[in-house]
Protein backbone atom coordinates (compact mmCIF):
# COMPACT_ATOMS: atom_id res chain seq x y z
CA MET A 1 -0.33 0.06 0.31
CA ASP A 2 1.31 3.55 -0.31
CA LEU A 3 0.89 6.95 0.85
CA LEU A 4 -2.38 7.78 -1.15
CA SER A 5 -3.93 4.42 -0.20
CA ARG A 6 -3.38 4.96 3.89
CA PRO A 7 -4.83 7.95 4.80
CA LEU A 8 -2.01 9.84 7.85
CA GLY A 9 -3.08 11.91 10.21
CA ASP A 10 -1.33 15.65 9.95
CA ARG A 11 2.07 15.41 12.29
CA THR A 12 2.96 18.78 11.62
CA LEU A 13 1.96 19.73 15.40
CA PRO A 14 4.10 16.94 17.10
CA LEU A 15 6.92 17.82 15.07
CA LEU A 16 6.98 21.31 16.32
CA VAL A 17 6.45 20.06 19.49
CA GLU A 18 8.94 17.39 19.69
CA GLY A 19 11.57 19.29 17.53
CA TYR A 20 15.02 16.91 16.80
CA GLY A 21 13.49 14.18 18.39
CA TRP A 22 10.06 13.74 16.73
CA LEU A 23 11.85 12.09 13.62
CA PRO A 24 14.60 9.89 15.47
CA ASN A 25 11.63 8.92 17.63
CA ARG A 26 9.34 7.39 14.67
CA MET A 27 12.34 5.89 12.78
CA ARG A 28 12.88 3.90 16.03
CA ASP A 29 9.49 2.69 15.88
CA SER A 30 9.63 1.64 11.62
CA ALA A 31 11.16 -1.30 10.07
CA GLY A 32 14.13 0.59 8.75
CA PRO A 33 15.31 3.79 8.07
CA VAL A 34 12.54 5.10 6.37
CA VAL A 35 9.09 6.68 7.98
CA ARG A 36 5.86 7.72 6.02
CA THR A 37 3.90 10.40 7.34
CA ARG A 38 2.07 13.80 6.69
CA LEU A 39 3.21 17.68 7.44
CA LEU A 40 2.11 20.36 5.88
CA GLY A 41 -1.14 18.97 4.92
CA ARG A 42 1.09 16.72 2.47
CA PRO A 43 1.97 13.10 2.39
CA ALA A 44 5.50 12.34 3.40
CA LEU A 45 8.35 10.36 3.18
CA ALA A 46 11.44 10.21 5.55
CA LEU A 47 14.42 8.83 4.42
CA ARG A 48 17.75 8.24 6.25
CA GLY A 49 21.21 6.85 5.20
CA PRO A 50 23.73 7.39 2.70
CA ASP A 51 22.27 5.90 -0.05
CA ALA A 52 18.65 8.24 0.80
CA VAL A 53 21.82 11.50 0.78
CA ARG A 54 22.18 10.52 -2.90
CA PHE A 55 18.54 9.78 -3.29
CA PHE A 56 17.08 12.74 -1.41
CA TYR A 57 19.83 15.35 -3.48
CA ASP A 58 19.38 13.76 -6.74
CA GLU A 59 16.90 16.48 -8.93
CA ARG A 60 15.87 13.76 -10.74
CA ASN A 61 14.15 12.36 -7.81
CA VAL A 62 13.17 15.72 -5.13
CA GLN A 63 12.97 19.40 -5.74
CA ARG A 64 13.83 22.71 -3.36
CA HIS A 65 11.70 24.81 -5.49
CA ARG A 66 8.88 25.75 -3.69
CA ALA A 67 9.21 23.01 -0.77
CA ILE A 68 10.76 25.91 1.37
CA PRO A 69 7.97 27.09 3.79
CA GLU A 70 6.66 31.00 3.70
CA PRO A 71 8.10 31.13 7.78
CA VAL A 72 11.44 29.80 6.97
CA LEU A 73 11.90 31.78 3.56
CA GLY A 74 10.83 35.12 5.69
CA THR A 75 13.56 34.40 8.33
CA LEU A 76 15.99 32.36 7.44
CA PHE A 77 16.79 32.17 3.77
CA GLY A 78 15.05 35.16 2.14
CA HIS A 79 12.74 35.16 -0.81
CA GLY A 80 14.71 34.47 -4.26
CA ALA A 81 17.62 32.93 -2.20
CA VAL A 82 19.59 30.11 -4.08
CA HIS A 83 18.16 27.71 -1.50
CA THR A 84 14.85 28.27 -3.76
CA LEU A 85 16.74 27.21 -7.12
CA ASP A 86 16.65 23.88 -9.28
CA GLY A 87 18.43 22.74 -12.32
CA THR A 88 20.00 25.79 -14.48
CA ALA A 89 18.97 28.17 -12.33
CA HIS A 90 20.26 27.19 -8.93
CA ARG A 91 23.86 26.18 -11.18
CA ALA A 92 24.17 29.82 -12.35
CA ARG A 93 23.47 31.48 -8.91
CA LYS A 94 25.58 28.93 -7.13
CA GLU A 95 28.12 30.29 -9.27
CA LEU A 96 28.22 33.35 -7.10
CA PHE A 97 28.62 31.30 -4.10
CA LEU A 98 31.85 28.97 -5.74
CA PRO A 99 35.12 31.36 -5.04
CA LEU A 100 34.27 31.18 -1.61
CA LEU A 101 35.27 27.84 -1.73
CA GLU A 102 38.48 28.09 -2.31
CA PRO A 103 41.47 27.52 0.29
CA ASP A 104 42.41 30.91 0.09
CA ARG A 105 39.28 32.52 0.59
CA ILE A 106 38.41 30.24 3.78
CA THR A 107 41.78 30.99 5.38
CA ALA A 108 41.49 35.27 4.99
CA LEU A 109 38.37 34.65 6.44
CA VAL A 110 39.33 32.59 9.01
CA ASP A 111 42.37 35.19 9.64
CA HIS A 112 39.54 38.24 9.84
CA VAL A 113 37.54 36.10 12.22
CA THR A 114 40.24 35.53 14.88
CA ALA A 115 41.80 38.94 15.14
CA ALA A 116 38.22 39.95 15.99
CA TRP A 117 38.21 37.85 18.35
CA ASP A 118 41.55 39.19 19.27
CA GLU A 119 40.43 42.51 19.37
CA ALA A 120 37.58 41.42 21.66
CA LEU A 121 39.60 39.33 23.92
CA PRO A 122 40.91 42.07 26.62
CA GLY A 123 37.57 43.53 26.86
CA TRP A 124 36.04 39.94 28.41
CA SER A 125 39.41 40.00 30.57
CA GLY A 126 38.25 43.09 32.11
CA ARG A 127 34.44 41.90 33.23
CA ALA A 128 32.85 39.98 36.00
CA ALA A 129 31.35 37.39 33.79
CA VAL A 130 30.58 37.37 29.58
CA THR A 131 28.22 35.20 27.82
CA LEU A 132 30.01 33.30 25.06
CA PHE A 133 27.54 32.99 22.58
CA ASP A 134 26.56 36.63 22.50
CA GLU A 135 30.45 37.58 22.42
CA VAL A 136 31.59 35.12 19.51
CA SER A 137 28.27 36.56 17.73
CA THR A 138 29.46 39.82 17.84
CA VAL A 139 33.26 38.88 16.72
CA LEU A 140 31.34 37.02 14.03
CA THR A 141 29.49 39.25 12.80
CA ARG A 142 32.51 41.88 12.64
CA GLY A 143 34.97 39.52 11.48
CA VAL A 144 32.66 38.45 8.35
CA HIS A 145 31.82 41.90 7.60
CA ARG A 146 35.98 42.85 7.00
CA TRP A 147 36.13 39.91 5.16
CA ALA A 148 33.19 40.13 3.02
CA GLY A 149 33.84 44.02 2.42
CA VAL A 150 30.69 45.00 3.46
CA PRO A 151 31.20 48.46 5.87
CA LEU A 152 30.16 47.83 9.37
CA GLU A 153 30.43 50.70 11.91
CA GLU A 154 31.94 49.93 15.73
CA THR A 155 28.87 50.98 16.91
CA GLU A 156 26.51 48.53 14.28
CA ALA A 157 28.31 45.10 15.50
CA GLU A 158 26.37 44.48 18.44
CA PRO A 159 22.92 45.63 17.45
CA VAL A 160 23.30 43.81 13.55
CA ALA A 161 24.95 40.56 15.10
CA ARG A 162 21.63 40.22 17.13
CA ASP A 163 19.77 40.63 13.81
CA MET A 164 21.87 37.78 12.24
CA ILE A 165 21.46 36.05 15.15
CA ALA A 166 17.63 36.15 15.44
CA MET A 167 17.10 35.31 11.68
CA VAL A 168 18.43 31.79 12.49
CA ASP A 169 16.59 31.41 16.11
CA GLY A 170 13.04 32.42 14.83
CA PHE A 171 12.54 30.50 11.47
CA ALA A 172 11.13 27.37 13.02
CA THR A 173 8.99 29.01 15.38
CA ALA A 174 5.79 31.20 16.17
CA GLY A 175 5.36 34.04 18.49
CA PRO A 176 8.02 36.32 19.31
CA ARG A 177 11.15 34.89 18.32
CA HIS A 178 9.35 34.59 14.68
CA LEU A 179 8.04 37.90 14.41
CA ARG A 180 11.66 39.35 15.61
CA ALA A 181 13.42 37.04 12.62
CA HIS A 182 10.97 38.92 10.09
CA ARG A 183 12.16 42.04 11.45
CA ALA A 184 15.67 41.35 11.40
CA ARG A 185 15.39 40.07 8.47
CA THR A 186 13.50 43.88 7.15
CA ARG A 187 16.29 45.47 8.53
CA GLN A 188 19.26 43.62 7.27
CA GLU A 189 18.01 43.66 4.06
CA GLU A 190 17.45 46.77 3.36
CA ARG A 191 20.56 47.86 4.66
CA LEU A 192 22.44 45.84 2.54
CA ALA A 193 20.14 46.50 -0.79
CA ARG A 194 21.05 50.01 -0.31
CA LEU A 195 24.79 49.25 0.28
CA VAL A 196 24.07 47.32 -3.14
CA ALA A 197 22.64 50.18 -4.95
CA GLU A 198 25.48 52.30 -4.05
CA VAL A 199 28.06 50.41 -4.94
CA ARG A 200 26.04 50.20 -8.89
CA SER A 201 26.04 53.48 -8.89
CA GLY A 202 28.95 54.61 -7.68
CA ARG A 203 28.52 55.91 -4.12
CA ALA A 204 30.12 53.54 -2.52
CA ALA A 205 32.76 51.24 -3.62
CA ALA A 206 33.37 47.53 -3.12
CA PRO A 207 36.61 45.83 -2.93
CA ALA A 208 37.87 44.56 -6.03
CA GLY A 209 37.08 40.27 -5.30
CA SER A 210 35.32 40.85 -2.55
CA VAL A 211 32.03 39.24 -1.16
CA LEU A 212 29.70 42.88 -1.93
CA ASP A 213 31.87 42.71 -5.19
CA LEU A 214 30.85 39.96 -6.25
CA VAL A 215 27.45 39.87 -5.42
CA ALA A 216 26.82 43.23 -6.89
CA ARG A 217 28.23 42.15 -10.59
CA HIS A 218 26.43 38.45 -10.85
CA ARG A 219 24.06 38.04 -13.66
CA ASP A 220 22.14 35.11 -13.70
CA ALA A 221 21.04 32.24 -16.13
CA ASP A 222 18.77 34.79 -17.47
CA GLY A 223 22.29 37.60 -18.10
CA GLY A 224 20.54 39.59 -15.93
CA ARG A 225 21.34 41.31 -12.99
CA LEU A 226 20.06 40.54 -9.30
CA ASP A 227 17.51 43.22 -8.15
CA ALA A 228 19.39 44.87 -5.23
CA LYS A 229 16.82 43.07 -3.08
CA THR A 230 17.48 39.79 -4.18
CA ALA A 231 21.64 40.81 -4.05
CA ALA A 232 20.80 41.68 -0.77
CA VAL A 233 19.19 38.13 -0.12
CA GLU A 234 22.31 36.10 -1.12
CA LEU A 235 24.34 38.83 0.24
CA LEU A 236 22.77 38.01 3.90
CA ASN A 237 23.43 34.22 2.53
CA VAL A 238 27.41 34.57 3.13
CA LEU A 239 26.93 36.98 6.42
CA ARG A 240 23.89 34.92 8.44
CA PRO A 241 25.48 31.11 8.06
CA THR A 242 28.88 32.55 8.98
CA VAL A 243 27.70 34.53 12.11
CA ALA A 244 25.11 31.00 13.26
CA VAL A 245 28.95 29.14 13.60
CA SER A 246 28.28 31.26 17.06
CA TRP A 247 26.45 27.69 17.65
CA PHE A 248 28.79 25.13 17.26
CA VAL A 249 31.09 27.39 19.05
CA ALA A 250 28.73 27.38 21.92
CA PHE A 251 28.49 23.59 22.13
CA ALA A 252 32.03 23.62 21.52
CA ALA A 253 32.73 25.48 24.83
CA HIS A 254 30.00 22.85 26.33
CA ALA A 255 31.93 19.73 25.06
CA LEU A 256 34.99 21.21 26.54
CA ARG A 257 33.44 21.65 29.99
CA ARG A 258 32.19 17.89 29.84
CA GLY A 259 35.65 16.59 28.61
CA PRO A 260 38.37 18.63 29.79
CA GLU A 261 40.71 16.20 28.38
CA HIS A 262 40.31 17.29 25.12
CA ARG A 263 41.87 20.69 26.16
CA GLU A 264 45.24 19.82 26.31
CA PRO A 265 45.73 18.42 22.60
CA LEU A 266 43.83 21.44 21.18
CA ARG A 267 46.00 24.01 22.69
CA ALA A 268 48.98 22.08 21.74
CA GLY A 269 48.20 22.98 18.40
CA ASP A 270 47.40 19.59 17.15
CA PRO A 271 46.02 20.36 13.89
CA ALA A 272 44.65 16.57 13.57
CA PHE A 273 43.04 16.47 16.64
CA ALA A 274 41.29 20.64 16.23
CA VAL A 275 39.51 18.90 12.97
CA ALA A 276 38.31 15.76 14.69
CA PHE A 277 37.24 17.83 17.67
CA THR A 278 35.28 19.96 15.02
CA HIS A 279 34.05 17.44 12.41
CA GLU A 280 32.60 15.80 16.14
CA VAL A 281 31.11 18.62 17.31
CA ARG A 282 29.07 19.21 13.97
CA ARG A 283 27.84 15.31 14.44
CA PHE A 284 26.78 15.20 18.05
CA TYR A 285 25.28 18.17 18.60
CA PRO A 286 21.93 19.29 16.72
CA PHE A 287 21.53 22.27 14.88
CA VAL A 288 20.00 21.07 11.74
CA PRO A 289 17.04 18.63 12.48
CA PHE A 290 16.24 17.39 9.36
CA LEU A 291 15.56 19.09 4.83
CA GLY A 292 12.33 18.65 2.79
CA GLY A 293 12.08 18.66 -0.87
CA LEU A 294 9.31 17.96 -3.04
CA ALA A 295 9.14 14.79 -5.27
CA VAL A 296 9.49 15.63 -8.51
CA ARG A 297 7.52 12.68 -10.04
CA ASP A 298 6.44 9.48 -8.18
CA LEU A 299 9.01 7.32 -6.26
CA GLN A 300 9.53 4.70 -4.35
CA TRP A 301 11.66 4.16 -1.88
CA ARG A 302 12.73 0.91 0.43
CA GLY A 303 8.88 -0.28 -0.41
CA GLU A 304 7.43 2.88 0.23
CA THR A 305 6.14 4.80 -2.58
CA LEU A 306 5.28 8.43 -2.47
CA PRO A 307 3.31 10.46 -5.78
CA ALA A 308 4.82 13.12 -6.95
CA GLY A 309 4.23 16.55 -5.22
CA GLY A 310 4.54 14.70 -1.74
CA LEU A 311 7.25 16.07 0.61
CA VAL A 312 10.74 14.16 1.06
CA VAL A 313 12.54 14.91 4.41
CA LEU A 314 15.90 13.65 4.76
CA ASP A 315 16.54 13.09 8.28
CA VAL A 316 19.88 15.00 9.44
CA TYR A 317 19.16 15.22 13.10
CA GLY A 318 19.09 11.25 13.25
CA GLN A 319 21.26 10.23 10.63
CA ASN A 320 24.45 11.76 12.89
CA HIS A 321 23.15 9.66 15.55
CA ASP A 322 22.31 6.67 13.69
CA GLU A 323 23.57 3.77 15.99
CA ASP A 324 24.50 1.92 12.29
CA LEU A 325 26.55 4.61 10.80
CA TRP A 326 28.82 5.67 14.01
CA GLY A 327 28.30 3.06 16.90
CA ASP A 328 27.60 4.57 20.23
CA PRO A 329 26.38 7.73 18.70
CA TYR A 330 25.58 9.68 21.72
CA ALA A 331 29.03 9.21 23.16
CA PHE A 332 31.10 11.99 22.49
CA ARG A 333 34.83 11.09 21.10
CA PRO A 334 36.61 13.12 18.38
CA GLU A 335 38.97 10.12 18.01
CA ARG A 336 36.13 8.99 15.66
CA PHE A 337 37.68 11.61 12.88
CA LEU A 338 41.33 11.32 13.82
CA GLY A 339 41.37 8.93 10.38
CA GLY A 340 40.29 11.64 8.54
CA PRO A 341 36.28 12.88 7.68
CA ALA A 342 33.28 10.77 7.45
CA GLU A 343 32.44 10.01 3.61
CA GLY A 344 30.40 13.03 2.33
CA ASP A 345 26.64 11.22 2.52
CA THR A 346 27.45 9.57 5.88
CA LEU A 347 28.23 13.22 8.39
CA ILE A 348 25.54 15.76 6.76
CA PRO A 349 25.22 18.45 9.57
CA GLN A 350 24.83 21.01 6.63
CA GLY A 351 23.07 18.29 4.52
CA GLY A 352 24.79 16.49 1.83
CA GLY A 353 25.58 16.40 -2.05
CA SER A 354 27.94 18.46 -3.84
CA PRO A 355 28.55 21.88 -2.27
CA ARG A 356 29.78 22.72 -6.34
CA THR A 357 27.02 21.19 -8.09
CA GLY A 358 23.90 20.37 -5.52
CA HIS A 359 21.99 21.85 -2.84
CA ARG A 360 25.19 21.27 -0.21
CA CYS A 361 26.15 24.16 1.63
CA PRO A 362 28.76 25.73 0.15
CA GLY A 363 29.94 27.39 3.76
CA GLU A 364 30.38 24.51 4.90
CA GLY A 365 34.10 24.96 4.73
CA VAL A 366 34.05 28.51 6.61
CA THR A 367 32.23 26.77 9.17
CA VAL A 368 34.58 24.03 9.55
CA GLY A 369 37.76 26.71 8.88
CA VAL A 370 35.72 28.63 11.83
CA LEU A 371 34.81 26.30 13.92
CA GLU A 372 38.74 25.02 14.27
CA ALA A 373 40.40 28.44 14.69
CA LEU A 374 37.53 29.34 17.28
CA THR A 375 38.04 26.09 19.15
CA VAL A 376 41.23 25.92 20.00
CA ARG A 377 41.15 30.00 20.88
CA LEU A 378 39.09 29.33 23.23
CA ALA A 379 41.03 25.89 25.27
CA ARG A 380 43.86 28.12 24.76
CA LEU A 381 42.02 30.57 27.29
CA GLU A 382 41.89 30.60 30.99
CA TYR A 383 38.34 30.70 32.50
CA THR A 384 36.00 29.62 35.04
CA VAL A 385 32.48 28.18 34.25
CA PRO A 386 30.35 28.90 36.69
CA GLU A 387 27.49 26.89 38.07
CA GLN A 388 24.24 27.79 35.61
CA ASN A 389 22.25 26.28 33.18
CA LEU A 390 23.85 24.17 30.53
CA THR A 391 20.92 21.68 29.30
CA ILE A 392 20.54 21.48 25.31
CA PRO A 393 16.40 21.31 25.33
CA LEU A 394 15.84 18.99 22.25
CA HIS A 395 12.23 20.65 21.91
CA ARG A 396 13.44 24.10 20.41
CA VAL A 397 14.81 24.50 17.40
CA PRO A 398 17.47 25.41 17.14
CA THR A 399 18.73 24.60 20.02
CA ARG A 400 21.70 25.87 22.32
CA PRO A 401 23.07 25.53 26.35
CA ARG A 402 20.10 27.81 28.03
CA SER A 403 22.82 29.86 29.78
CA GLY A 404 24.49 30.65 25.99
CA VAL A 405 27.79 29.08 28.38
CA VAL A 406 28.44 32.18 30.83
CA LEU A 407 32.02 32.23 31.84
CA THR A 408 33.97 34.17 34.55
CA GLY A 409 37.82 34.71 35.06
CA ILE A 410 38.85 34.73 31.47
CA ARG A 411 42.57 35.02 30.96
CA PRO A 412 44.21 35.66 28.51
CA PRO A 413 46.79 32.18 26.67
CA SER A 414 49.74 31.67 29.14
CA GLU A 415 52.84 33.12 27.05
CA GLY A 416 55.12 30.26 25.65
C-alpha cells in the first residue's frame, strides 16, 4: 500500500512540540530507515542513510523549489535565495558562491575572525562574566563583514549581530521569536540593498573581488543582474551562516566542559585533533533537524511510494546519531575522525550532496575552518565555568545551551 491509499493524520504539530527528537523517535518505531507520515498537509516520506542522501539530492527525484515554507523563507533564507532554485537557475546562482569554497578565501575569513576575537579578548578579561554565545556572535559579525567587504561601523556590530542571530533563532517557531526574525531580516535586507545600489551607482566602493563586489556584479542564467533586494538576500546568505557558527562555538565550549581532557591536545596545537574535534562537535550537537524537498515524480523508496508533489524529508539529526553509522552515537568521541573526515554522504550536519553542483551548503568549509580556529583559541583561554543551566533542550529548534555558556575570570592564554 502507498501513501495515497493509507490515510494519515498530519504530524506537523507533534514535530513542532518534539523538535529534534520527533523524526528519530519515529525511525526507531519503523521497520527500516524510512517513515511515512503527513506534514504541512502533504503526504511525506522521511529517509535516512548515505543512500537516502544521494536519493534526496538527485534532482530527478527531489526539488527544493517551492518546498521551503513561507515562514522559513521570510526569516532564514529570504525570498529569491539560491536555496529556492533548481536546475540551471540553481547552478548559475551557485556560481556566485563557488569562489568562497577556495582554500585561500576560507583562510582569509578565518584570519579576519580570529583577529576580531583577539581584539575582543581584552574587554572580556576586564568583565566579571561574559556570555560566550553573545560575544562570539559579535566577533563573527565583525570578522565576516570585514572579509566580505561590507562596511560596518563599530557601533553597528552588536545590533547587526543580534539581527543575524534572530534570523536563525526564529525560523522554526511561532510567536515572539518568529516576529523578531522577520523584523531582523527586513532591517538587514534594507541595509544591504541600499549598499548594493550605492555600489552600482558609484556612491560606494566595493573592494575588488570581495563578496560585495561579486554579488553586485553577478548575472543569473538569464543574463540579468540580481535586483538589489535579491542581491541583499544573497549577501545575507554569506553573512548570516557565518555568524551562525556561534551555535557551534557554544557547543564546543559545552563539550570542553563535559570533557576537559580534550583541552590539552587543542592547546598543544595538534591540527589533526582540532579538525577531528570540530567534526565531532558538528556531528554530536543538534543544529539542523532535517531537510525537505518535493517529489518531482511518483517515487519509491524501500518499499514505500510517494506521489509527485509529496514531501521528501532527510533526517539530518537522526543520521548523525545513527548507531549503524557511528556506533555509540551519543558518546562524544573526536577520535572517530582522527583517520580523516567521514564520507560526505554520511556526515551531514549541513546537508549532503555536492557543494559545487548540488544543494549542499557551500559554506561548510567556512564553518569547519572558523570553528576549528575559535575552538583552539577557546581551549587556550583561562576561565571558569560557574554554576549555570547548560542543558540543551531538544524540543527547541534551533537549540543551544540555555545559559549561552557564561564564563568568568577570563584571562588571556599563557605565553609559551
